[in-house]
Amino acid sequence: MGDGIGGPVLSCLSGDTFEMSVTHFRKDNAEDYDKIERIKIAKVDDPESPQYEERTQEDLERALKGKFVTCNVQYRDKKTDILLCNVFVQKPPEGF
């Protein structure tokens, strides 16, 4: 896909899957996205913790819950309706 979406992490569902409130979209996205999407992590990039290797749900909550992330969408799993994404922890946008 190559689309980009962003927003705060609402909850963590497992050690590699979370729900995100989609508040930001790239203008050139090819697909439409729901207000809340389930994201499965292909890769995490967090400048404050560049060696992220944690795998439990609790570890993922500590790393991501409540933070603003952007996701580069690789594809949507048609069976589970989950997006497989590269995830980047960001500073929230102005006025967020």
PDB file of N, CA and C in Angstrom:
ATOM      1  N   MET A   1       0.815  -1.201   0.000  1.00  0.00           N
ATOM      2  CA  MET A   1       0.000   0.000   0.000  1.00  0.00           C
ATOM      3  C   MET A   1       0.855   1.260   0.000  1.00  0.00           C
ATOM      4  N   GLY A   2       1.713   1.405   1.019  1.00  0.00           N
ATOM      5  CA  GLY A   2       2.550   2.587   1.100  1.00  0.00           C
ATOM      6  C   GLY A   2       1.852   3.806   1.655  1.00  0.00           C
ATOM      7  N   ASP A   3       0.637   3.641   2.209  1.00  0.00           N
ATOM      8  CA  ASP A   3      -0.099   4.760   2.780  1.00  0.00           C
ATOM      9  C   ASP A   3       0.468   5.117   4.146  1.00  0.00           C
ATOM     10  N   GLY A   4       0.127   6.306   4.635  1.00  0.00           N
ATOM     11  CA  GLY A   4       0.553   6.751   5.949  1.00  0.00           C
ATOM     12  C   GLY A   4      -0.616   7.259   6.763  1.00  0.00           C
ATOM     13  N   ILE A   5      -0.699   6.812   8.031  1.00  0.00           N
ATOM     14  CA  ILE A   5      -1.720   7.282   8.955  1.00  0.00           C
ATOM     15  C   ILE A   5      -1.061   7.586  10.283  1.00  0.00           C
ATOM     16  N   GLY A   6      -1.724   8.389  11.104  1.00  0.00           N
ATOM     17  CA  GLY A   6      -1.155   8.726  12.404  1.00  0.00           C
ATOM     18  C   GLY A   6      -2.229   8.991  13.429  1.00  0.00           C
ATOM     19  N   GLY A   7      -1.835   8.876  14.699  1.00  0.00           N
ATOM     20  CA  GLY A   7      -2.750   9.162  15.789  1.00  0.00           C
ATOM     21  C   GLY A   7      -2.260   8.556  17.087  1.00  0.00           C
ATOM     22  N   PRO A   8      -3.028   8.764  18.160  1.00  0.00           N
ATOM     23  CA  PRO A   8      -2.635   8.217  19.459  1.00  0.00           C
ATOM     24  C   PRO A   8      -2.991   6.740  19.582  1.00  0.00           C
ATOM     25  N   VAL A   9      -2.155   6.016  20.315  1.00  0.00           N
ATOM     26  CA  VAL A   9      -2.410   4.606  20.620  1.00  0.00           C
ATOM     27  C   VAL A   9      -3.431   4.555  21.753  1.00  0.00           C
ATOM     28  N   LEU A  10      -4.545   3.856  21.512  1.00  0.00           N
ATOM     29  CA  LEU A  10      -5.620   3.762  22.497  1.00  0.00           C
ATOM     30  C   LEU A  10      -5.422   2.604  23.455  1.00  0.00           C
ATOM     31  N   SER A  11      -5.093   1.432  22.901  1.00  0.00           N
ATOM     32  CA  SER A  11      -4.920   0.254  23.741  1.00  0.00           C
ATOM     33  C   SER A  11      -4.035  -0.750  23.025  1.00  0.00           C
ATOM     34  N   CYS A  12      -3.432  -1.614  23.815  1.00  0.00           N
ATOM     35  CA  CYS A  12      -2.590  -2.674  23.274  1.00  0.00           C
ATOM     36  C   CYS A  12      -3.337  -3.994  23.436  1.00  0.00           C
ATOM     37  N   LEU A  13      -3.406  -4.764  22.358  1.00  0.00           N
ATOM     38  CA  LEU A  13      -4.174  -5.992  22.345  1.00  0.00           C
ATOM     39  C   LEU A  13      -3.316  -7.224  22.566  1.00  0.00           C
ATOM     40  N   SER A  14      -2.019  -7.114  22.239  1.00  0.00           N
ATOM     41  CA  SER A  14      -1.064  -8.209  22.434  1.00  0.00           C
ATOM     42  C   SER A  14       0.329  -7.593  22.423  1.00  0.00           C
ATOM     43  N   GLY A  15       1.345  -8.418  22.346  1.00  0.00           N
ATOM     44  CA  GLY A  15       2.713  -7.912  22.326  1.00  0.00           C
ATOM     45  C   GLY A  15       3.109  -7.251  21.024  1.00  0.00           C
ATOM     46  N   ASP A  16       2.281  -7.399  19.971  1.00  0.00           N
ATOM     47  CA  ASP A  16       2.632  -6.768  18.690  1.00  0.00           C
ATOM     48  C   ASP A  16       1.435  -6.129  17.979  1.00  0.00           C
ATOM     49  N   THR A  17       0.294  -5.980  18.692  1.00  0.00           N
ATOM     50  CA  THR A  17      -0.905  -5.428  18.061  1.00  0.00           C
ATOM     51  C   THR A  17      -1.539  -4.398  18.987  1.00  0.00           C
ATOM     52  N   PHE A  18      -1.990  -3.269  18.407  1.00  0.00           N
ATOM     53  CA  PHE A  18      -2.624  -2.217  19.195  1.00  0.00           C
ATOM     54  C   PHE A  18      -3.733  -1.558  18.393  1.00  0.00           C
ATOM     55  N   GLU A  19      -4.593  -0.808  19.105  1.00  0.00           N
ATOM     56  CA  GLU A  19      -5.623  -0.005  18.465  1.00  0.00           C
ATOM     57  C   GLU A  19      -5.186   1.444  18.497  1.00  0.00           C
ATOM     58  N   MET A  20      -5.446   2.127  17.384  1.00  0.00           N
ATOM     59  CA  MET A  20      -5.031   3.515  17.228  1.00  0.00           C
ATOM     60  C   MET A  20      -6.204   4.346  16.755  1.00  0.00           C
ATOM     61  N   SER A  21      -6.350   5.537  17.297  1.00  0.00           N
ATOM     62  CA  SER A  21      -7.323   6.503  16.804  1.00  0.00           C
ATOM     63  C   SER A  21      -6.679   7.218  15.622  1.00  0.00           C
ATOM     64  N   VAL A  22      -7.231   7.040  14.434  1.00  0.00           N
ATOM     65  CA  VAL A  22      -6.634   7.615  13.228  1.00  0.00           C
ATOM     66  C   VAL A  22      -7.099   9.074  13.105  1.00  0.00           C
ATOM     67  N   THR A  23      -6.180   9.994  13.410  1.00  0.00           N
ATOM     68  CA  THR A  23      -6.496  11.424  13.367  1.00  0.00           C
ATOM     69  C   THR A  23      -5.784  12.145  12.227  1.00  0.00           C
ATOM     70  N   HIS A  24      -4.782  11.508  11.644  1.00  0.00           N
ATOM     71  CA  HIS A  24      -4.002  12.132  10.571  1.00  0.00           C
ATOM     72  C   HIS A  24      -3.834  11.147   9.417  1.00  0.00           C
ATOM     73  N   PHE A  25      -3.929  11.681   8.201  1.00  0.00           N
ATOM     74  CA  PHE A  25      -3.806  10.884   6.977  1.00  0.00           C
ATOM     75  C   PHE A  25      -2.843  11.583   6.029  1.00  0.00           C
ATOM     76  N   ARG A  26      -2.102  10.812   5.269  1.00  0.00           N
ATOM     77  CA  ARG A  26      -1.350  11.415   4.169  1.00  0.00           C
ATOM     78  C   ARG A  26      -2.327  11.744   3.051  1.00  0.00           C
ATOM     79  N   LYS A  27      -2.116  12.875   2.384  1.00  0.00           N
ATOM     80  CA  LYS A  27      -3.034  13.320   1.327  1.00  0.00           C
ATOM     81  C   LYS A  27      -3.053  12.384   0.130  1.00  0.00           C
ATOM     82  N   ASP A  28      -1.967  11.664  -0.094  1.00  0.00           N
ATOM     83  CA  ASP A  28      -1.889  10.798  -1.273  1.00  0.00           C
ATOM     84  C   ASP A  28      -2.204   9.334  -0.973  1.00  0.00           C
ATOM     85  N   ASN A  29      -2.853   9.062   0.170  1.00  0.00           N
ATOM     86  CA  ASN A  29      -3.232   7.684   0.498  1.00  0.00           C
ATOM     87  C   ASN A  29      -4.127   7.099  -0.583  1.00  0.00           C
ATOM     88  N   ALA A  30      -3.897   5.831  -0.904  1.00  0.00           N
ATOM     89  CA  ALA A  30      -4.711   5.135  -1.909  1.00  0.00           C
ATOM     90  C   ALA A  30      -5.959   4.514  -1.294  1.00  0.00           C
ATOM     91  N   GLU A  31      -5.933   4.235   0.007  1.00  0.00           N
ATOM     92  CA  GLU A  31      -7.041   3.556   0.690  1.00  0.00           C
ATOM     93  C   GLU A  31      -7.700   4.485   1.698  1.00  0.00           C
ATOM     94  N   ASP A  32      -8.912   4.121   2.111  1.00  0.00           N
ATOM     95  CA  ASP A  32      -9.607   4.814   3.198  1.00  0.00           C
ATOM     96  C   ASP A  32      -9.394   4.030   4.488  1.00  0.00           C
ATOM     97  N   TYR A  33      -9.407   4.744   5.612  1.00  0.00           N
ATOM     98  CA  TYR A  33      -9.164   4.113   6.905  1.00  0.00           C
ATOM     99  C   TYR A  33     -10.258   4.500   7.880  1.00  0.00           C
ATOM    100  N   ASP A  34     -10.582   3.567   8.794  1.00  0.00           N
ATOM    101  CA  ASP A  34     -11.591   3.818   9.822  1.00  0.00           C
ATOM    102  C   ASP A  34     -11.031   4.771  10.870  1.00  0.00           C
ATOM    103  N   LYS A  35     -11.925   5.303  11.713  1.00  0.00           N
ATOM    104  CA  LYS A  35     -11.498   6.198  12.790  1.00  0.00           C
ATOM    105  C   LYS A  35     -10.639   5.466  13.814  1.00  0.00           C
ATOM    106  N   ILE A  36     -10.906   4.181  13.998  1.00  0.00           N
ATOM    107  CA  ILE A  36     -10.074   3.346  14.867  1.00  0.00           C
ATOM    108  C   ILE A  36      -9.629   2.144  14.053  1.00  0.00           C
ATOM    109  N   GLU A  37      -8.319   1.928  14.012  1.00  0.00           N
ATOM    110  CA  GLU A  37      -7.748   0.801  13.269  1.00  0.00           C
ATOM    111  C   GLU A  37      -6.926  -0.060  14.209  1.00  0.00           C
ATOM    112  N   ARG A  38      -6.925  -1.357  13.931  1.00  0.00           N
ATOM    113  CA  ARG A  38      -6.037  -2.284  14.633  1.00  0.00           C
ATOM    114  C   ARG A  38      -4.764  -2.413  13.809  1.00  0.00           C
ATOM    115  N   ILE A  39      -3.631  -2.256  14.482  1.00  0.00           N
ATOM    116  CA  ILE A  39      -2.320  -2.241  13.833  1.00  0.00           C
ATOM    117  C   ILE A  39      -1.484  -3.396  14.375  1.00  0.00           C
ATOM    118  N   LYS A  40      -0.903  -4.181  13.474  1.00  0.00           N
ATOM    119  CA  LYS A  40       0.095  -5.191  13.856  1.00  0.00           C
ATOM    120  C   LYS A  40       1.449  -4.640  13.444  1.00  0.00           C
ATOM    121  N   ILE A  41       2.394  -4.706  14.340  1.00  0.00           N
ATOM    122  CA  ILE A  41       3.699  -4.079  14.129  1.00  0.00           C
ATOM    123  C   ILE A  41       4.601  -4.958  13.277  1.00  0.00           C
ATOM    124  N   ALA A  42       5.091  -4.380  12.191  1.00  0.00           N
ATOM    125  CA  ALA A  42       6.138  -5.023  11.414  1.00  0.00           C
ATOM    126  C   ALA A  42       7.494  -4.587  11.976  1.00  0.00           C
ATOM    127  N   LYS A  43       7.591  -3.292  12.339  1.00  0.00           N
ATOM    128  CA  LYS A  43       8.834  -2.717  12.863  1.00  0.00           C
ATOM    129  C   LYS A  43       8.465  -1.492  13.683  1.00  0.00           C
ATOM    130  N   VAL A  44       9.193  -1.237  14.779  1.00  0.00           N
ATOM    131  CA  VAL A  44       8.983  -0.050  15.610  1.00  0.00           C
ATOM    132  C   VAL A  44      10.242   0.794  15.577  1.00  0.00           C
ATOM    133  N   ASP A  45      10.059   2.108  15.401  1.00  0.00           N
ATOM    134  CA  ASP A  45      11.177   3.044  15.488  1.00  0.00           C
ATOM    135  C   ASP A  45      10.823   4.092  16.532  1.00  0.00           C
ATOM    136  N   ASP A  46      11.539   4.062  17.652  1.00  0.00           N
ATOM    137  CA  ASP A  46      11.340   5.031  18.721  1.00  0.00           C
ATOM    138  C   ASP A  46      12.698   5.630  19.053  1.00  0.00           C
ATOM    139  N   PRO A  47      12.903   6.918  18.738  1.00  0.00           N
ATOM    140  CA  PRO A  47      14.208   7.534  18.983  1.00  0.00           C
ATOM    141  C   PRO A  47      14.659   7.459  20.443  1.00  0.00           C
ATOM    142  N   GLU A  48      13.706   7.430  21.383  1.00  0.00           N
ATOM    143  CA  GLU A  48      14.072   7.360  22.797  1.00  0.00           C
ATOM    144  C   GLU A  48      14.451   5.951  23.220  1.00  0.00           C
ATOM    145  N   SER A  49      14.033   4.955  22.455  1.00  0.00           N
ATOM    146  CA  SER A  49      14.334   3.562  22.770  1.00  0.00           C
ATOM    147  C   SER A  49      14.595   2.807  21.466  1.00  0.00           C
ATOM    148  N   PRO A  50      15.708   3.096  20.801  1.00  0.00           N
ATOM    149  CA  PRO A  50      15.934   2.561  19.456  1.00  0.00           C
ATOM    150  C   PRO A  50      16.096   1.052  19.382  1.00  0.00           C
ATOM    151  N   GLN A  51      16.362   0.407  20.489  1.00  0.00           N
ATOM    152  CA  GLN A  51      16.554  -1.036  20.460  1.00  0.00           C
ATOM    153  C   GLN A  51      15.318  -1.779  20.968  1.00  0.00           C
ATOM    154  N   TYR A  52      14.141  -1.305  20.609  1.00  0.00           N
ATOM    155  CA  TYR A  52      12.904  -1.903  21.101  1.00  0.00           C
ATOM    156  C   TYR A  52      12.831  -3.372  20.719  1.00  0.00           C
ATOM    157  N   GLU A  53      12.828  -4.253  21.716  1.00  0.00           N
ATOM    158  CA  GLU A  53      12.745  -5.696  21.481  1.00  0.00           C
ATOM    159  C   GLU A  53      11.677  -6.338  22.359  1.00  0.00           C
ATOM    160  N   GLU A  54      10.955  -5.524  23.132  1.00  0.00           N
ATOM    161  CA  GLU A  54       9.990  -6.063  24.066  1.00  0.00           C
ATOM    162  C   GLU A  54       8.847  -6.729  23.328  1.00  0.00           C
ATOM    163  N   ARG A  55       8.271  -7.777  23.917  1.00  0.00           N
ATOM    164  CA  ARG A  55       7.284  -8.562  23.187  1.00  0.00           C
ATOM    165  C   ARG A  55       5.980  -8.805  23.939  1.00  0.00           C
ATOM    166  N   THR A  56       5.885  -8.483  25.226  1.00  0.00           N
ATOM    167  CA  THR A  56       4.642  -8.746  25.939  1.00  0.00           C
ATOM    168  C   THR A  56       3.674  -7.577  25.760  1.00  0.00           C
ATOM    169  N   GLN A  57       2.403  -7.818  26.041  1.00  0.00           N
ATOM    170  CA  GLN A  57       1.396  -6.773  25.948  1.00  0.00           C
ATOM    171  C   GLN A  57       1.721  -5.633  26.911  1.00  0.00           C
ATOM    172  N   GLU A  58       2.175  -5.966  28.111  1.00  0.00           N
ATOM    173  CA  GLU A  58       2.524  -4.945  29.094  1.00  0.00           C
ATOM    174  C   GLU A  58       3.704  -4.100  28.614  1.00  0.00           C
ATOM    175  N   ASP A  59       4.683  -4.746  27.990  1.00  0.00           N
ATOM    176  CA  ASP A  59       5.835  -4.012  27.451  1.00  0.00           C
ATOM    177  C   ASP A  59       5.387  -3.052  26.351  1.00  0.00           C
ATOM    178  N   LEU A  60       4.498  -3.529  25.484  1.00  0.00           N
ATOM    179  CA  LEU A  60       4.015  -2.672  24.397  1.00  0.00           C
ATOM    180  C   LEU A  60       3.219  -1.500  24.954  1.00  0.00           C
ATOM    181  N   GLU A  61       2.422  -1.733  25.989  1.00  0.00           N
ATOM    182  CA  GLU A  61       1.676  -0.636  26.612  1.00  0.00           C
ATOM    183  C   GLU A  61       2.618   0.418  27.166  1.00  0.00           C
ATOM    184  N   ARG A  62       3.679  -0.015  27.837  1.00  0.00           N
ATOM    185  CA  ARG A  62       4.660   0.950  28.368  1.00  0.00           C
ATOM    186  C   ARG A  62       5.316   1.736  27.231  1.00  0.00           C
ATOM    187  N   ALA A  63       5.565   1.075  26.119  1.00  0.00           N
ATOM    188  CA  ALA A  63       6.269   1.716  25.013  1.00  0.00           C
ATOM    189  C   ALA A  63       5.365   2.640  24.190  1.00  0.00           C
ATOM    190  N   LEU A  64       4.072   2.281  24.031  1.00  0.00           N
ATOM    191  CA  LEU A  64       3.254   3.004  23.057  1.00  0.00           C
ATOM    192  C   LEU A  64       1.973   3.637  23.576  1.00  0.00           C
ATOM    193  N   LYS A  65       1.340   3.087  24.609  1.00  0.00           N
ATOM    194  CA  LYS A  65       0.000   3.552  24.989  1.00  0.00           C
ATOM    195  C   LYS A  65      -0.006   5.040  25.299  1.00  0.00           C
ATOM    196  N   GLY A  66      -0.942   5.765  24.652  1.00  0.00           N
ATOM    197  CA  GLY A  66      -1.079   7.194  24.848  1.00  0.00           C
ATOM    198  C   GLY A  66      -0.136   8.038  24.012  1.00  0.00           C
ATOM    199  N   LYS A  67       0.813   7.410  23.339  1.00  0.00           N
ATOM    200  CA  LYS A  67       1.758   8.155  22.506  1.00  0.00           C
ATOM    201  C   LYS A  67       1.184   8.350  21.110  1.00  0.00           C
ATOM    202  N   PHE A  68       1.655   9.396  20.438  1.00  0.00           N
ATOM    203  CA  PHE A  68       1.286   9.655  19.056  1.00  0.00           C
ATOM    204  C   PHE A  68       2.246   8.872  18.168  1.00  0.00           C
ATOM    205  N   VAL A  69       1.707   8.071  17.272  1.00  0.00           N
ATOM    206  CA  VAL A  69       2.533   7.283  16.360  1.00  0.00           C
ATOM    207  C   VAL A  69       2.094   7.533  14.918  1.00  0.00           C
ATOM    208  N   THR A  70       3.024   7.350  14.003  1.00  0.00           N
ATOM    209  CA  THR A  70       2.676   7.303  12.591  1.00  0.00           C
ATOM    210  C   THR A  70       2.959   5.896  12.098  1.00  0.00           C
ATOM    211  N   CYS A  71       2.164   5.475  11.130  1.00  0.00           N
ATOM    212  CA  CYS A  71       2.264   4.122  10.609  1.00  0.00           C
ATOM    213  C   CYS A  71       2.396   4.154   9.100  1.00  0.00           C
ATOM    214  N   ASN A  72       3.424   3.509   8.599  1.00  0.00           N
ATOM    215  CA  ASN A  72       3.547   3.268   7.167  1.00  0.00           C
ATOM    216  C   ASN A  72       2.891   1.921   6.905  1.00  0.00           C
ATOM    217  N   VAL A  73       1.765   1.962   6.212  1.00  0.00           N
ATOM    218  CA  VAL A  73       0.959   0.762   6.014  1.00  0.00           C
ATOM    219  C   VAL A  73       1.598  -0.119   4.948  1.00  0.00           C
ATOM    220  N   GLN A  74       1.862  -1.374   5.311  1.00  0.00           N
ATOM    221  CA  GLN A  74       2.380  -2.350   4.351  1.00  0.00           C
ATOM    222  C   GLN A  74       1.224  -3.007   3.600  1.00  0.00           C
ATOM    223  N   TYR A  75       0.235  -3.501   4.360  1.00  0.00           N
ATOM    224  CA  TYR A  75      -0.959  -4.093   3.746  1.00  0.00           C
ATOM    225  C   TYR A  75      -2.004  -4.353   4.824  1.00  0.00           C
ATOM    226  N   ARG A  76      -3.236  -4.615   4.404  1.00  0.00           N
ATOM    227  CA  ARG A  76      -4.317  -5.003   5.305  1.00  0.00           C
ATOM    228  C   ARG A  76      -4.542  -6.501   5.168  1.00  0.00           C
ATOM    229  N   ASP A  77      -4.495  -7.216   6.301  1.00  0.00           N
ATOM    230  CA  ASP A  77      -4.777  -8.649   6.314  1.00  0.00           C
ATOM    231  C   ASP A  77      -6.279  -8.821   6.101  1.00  0.00           C
ATOM    232  N   LYS A  78      -6.658  -9.419   5.007  1.00  0.00           N
ATOM    233  CA  LYS A  78      -8.073  -9.535   4.649  1.00  0.00           C
ATOM    234  C   LYS A  78      -8.849 -10.451   5.590  1.00  0.00           C
ATOM    235  N   LYS A  79      -8.183 -11.418   6.216  1.00  0.00           N
ATOM    236  CA  LYS A  79      -8.863 -12.328   7.139  1.00  0.00           C
ATOM    237  C   LYS A  79      -9.177 -11.661   8.482  1.00  0.00           C
ATOM    238  N   THR A  80      -8.226 -10.882   9.004  1.00  0.00           N
ATOM    239  CA  THR A  80      -8.383 -10.291  10.336  1.00  0.00           C
ATOM    240  C   THR A  80      -8.735  -8.804  10.299  1.00  0.00           C
ATOM    241  N   ASP A  81      -8.630  -8.165   9.137  1.00  0.00           N
ATOM    242  CA  ASP A  81      -8.854  -6.728   8.959  1.00  0.00           C
ATOM    243  C   ASP A  81      -7.860  -5.889   9.767  1.00  0.00           C
ATOM    244  N   ILE A  82      -6.680  -6.456  10.028  1.00  0.00           N
ATOM    245  CA  ILE A  82      -5.622  -5.743  10.751  1.00  0.00           C
ATOM    246  C   ILE A  82      -4.616  -5.205   9.744  1.00  0.00           C
ATOM    247  N   LEU A  83      -4.128  -3.981  10.006  1.00  0.00           N
ATOM    248  CA  LEU A  83      -3.097  -3.378   9.163  1.00  0.00           C
ATOM    249  C   LEU A  83      -1.716  -3.791   9.653  1.00  0.00           C
ATOM    250  N   LEU A  84      -0.871  -4.283   8.767  1.00  0.00           N
ATOM    251  CA  LEU A  84       0.524  -4.549   9.097  1.00  0.00           C
ATOM    252  C   LEU A  84       1.300  -3.283   8.750  1.00  0.00           C
ATOM    253  N   CYS A  85       1.999  -2.719   9.739  1.00  0.00           N
ATOM    254  CA  CYS A  85       2.623  -1.405   9.563  1.00  0.00           C
ATOM    255  C   CYS A  85       4.008  -1.329  10.187  1.00  0.00           C
ATOM    256  N   ASN A  86       4.834  -0.451   9.633  1.00  0.00           N
ATOM    257  CA  ASN A  86       6.028   0.019  10.317  1.00  0.00           C
ATOM    258  C   ASN A  86       5.563   1.200  11.167  1.00  0.00           C
ATOM    259  N   VAL A  87       5.907   1.195  12.450  1.00  0.00           N
ATOM    260  CA  VAL A  87       5.378   2.159  13.413  1.00  0.00           C
ATOM    261  C   VAL A  87       6.504   3.072  13.886  1.00  0.00           C
ATOM    262  N   PHE A  88       6.212   4.379  13.910  1.00  0.00           N
ATOM    263  CA  PHE A  88       7.191   5.379  14.314  1.00  0.00           C
ATOM    264  C   PHE A  88       6.602   6.231  15.430  1.00  0.00           C
ATOM    265  N   VAL A  89       7.255   6.254  16.596  1.00  0.00           N
ATOM    266  CA  VAL A  89       6.803   7.086  17.710  1.00  0.00           C
ATOM    267  C   VAL A  89       7.214   8.527  17.404  1.00  0.00           C
ATOM    268  N   GLN A  90       6.253   9.442  17.511  1.00  0.00           N
ATOM    269  CA  GLN A  90       6.473  10.854  17.135  1.00  0.00           C
ATOM    270  C   GLN A  90       6.137  11.771  18.287  1.00  0.00           C
ATOM    271  N   LYS A  91       6.546  13.033  18.152  1.00  0.00           N
ATOM    272  CA  LYS A  91       6.033  14.078  19.023  1.00  0.00           C
ATOM    273  C   LYS A  91       4.660  14.452  18.457  1.00  0.00           C
ATOM    274  N   PRO A  92       3.667  14.686  19.327  1.00  0.00           N
ATOM    275  CA  PRO A  92       2.342  15.040  18.812  1.00  0.00           C
ATOM    276  C   PRO A  92       2.391  16.327  17.984  1.00  0.00           C
ATOM    277  N   PRO A  93       1.539  16.428  16.957  1.00  0.00           N
ATOM    278  CA  PRO A  93       1.499  17.642  16.152  1.00  0.00           C
ATOM    279  C   PRO A  93       1.016  18.847  16.975  1.00  0.00           C
ATOM    280  N   GLU A  94       1.316  20.040  16.503  1.00  0.00           N
ATOM    281  CA  GLU A  94       0.874  21.274  17.176  1.00  0.00           C
ATOM    282  C   GLU A  94      -0.633  21.241  17.389  1.00  0.00           C
ATOM    283  N   GLY A  95      -1.064  21.629  18.566  1.00  0.00           N
ATOM    284  CA  GLY A  95      -2.477  21.722  18.869  1.00  0.00           C
ATOM    285  C   GLY A  95      -3.169  20.399  19.097  1.00  0.00           C
ATOM    286  N   PHE A  96      -2.397  19.328  19.187  1.00  0.00           N
ATOM    287  CA  PHE A  96      -2.997  18.003  19.364  1.00  0.00           C
ATOM    288  C   PHE A  96      -3.378  17.796  20.810  1.00  0.00           C
TER     289      PHE A  96
END
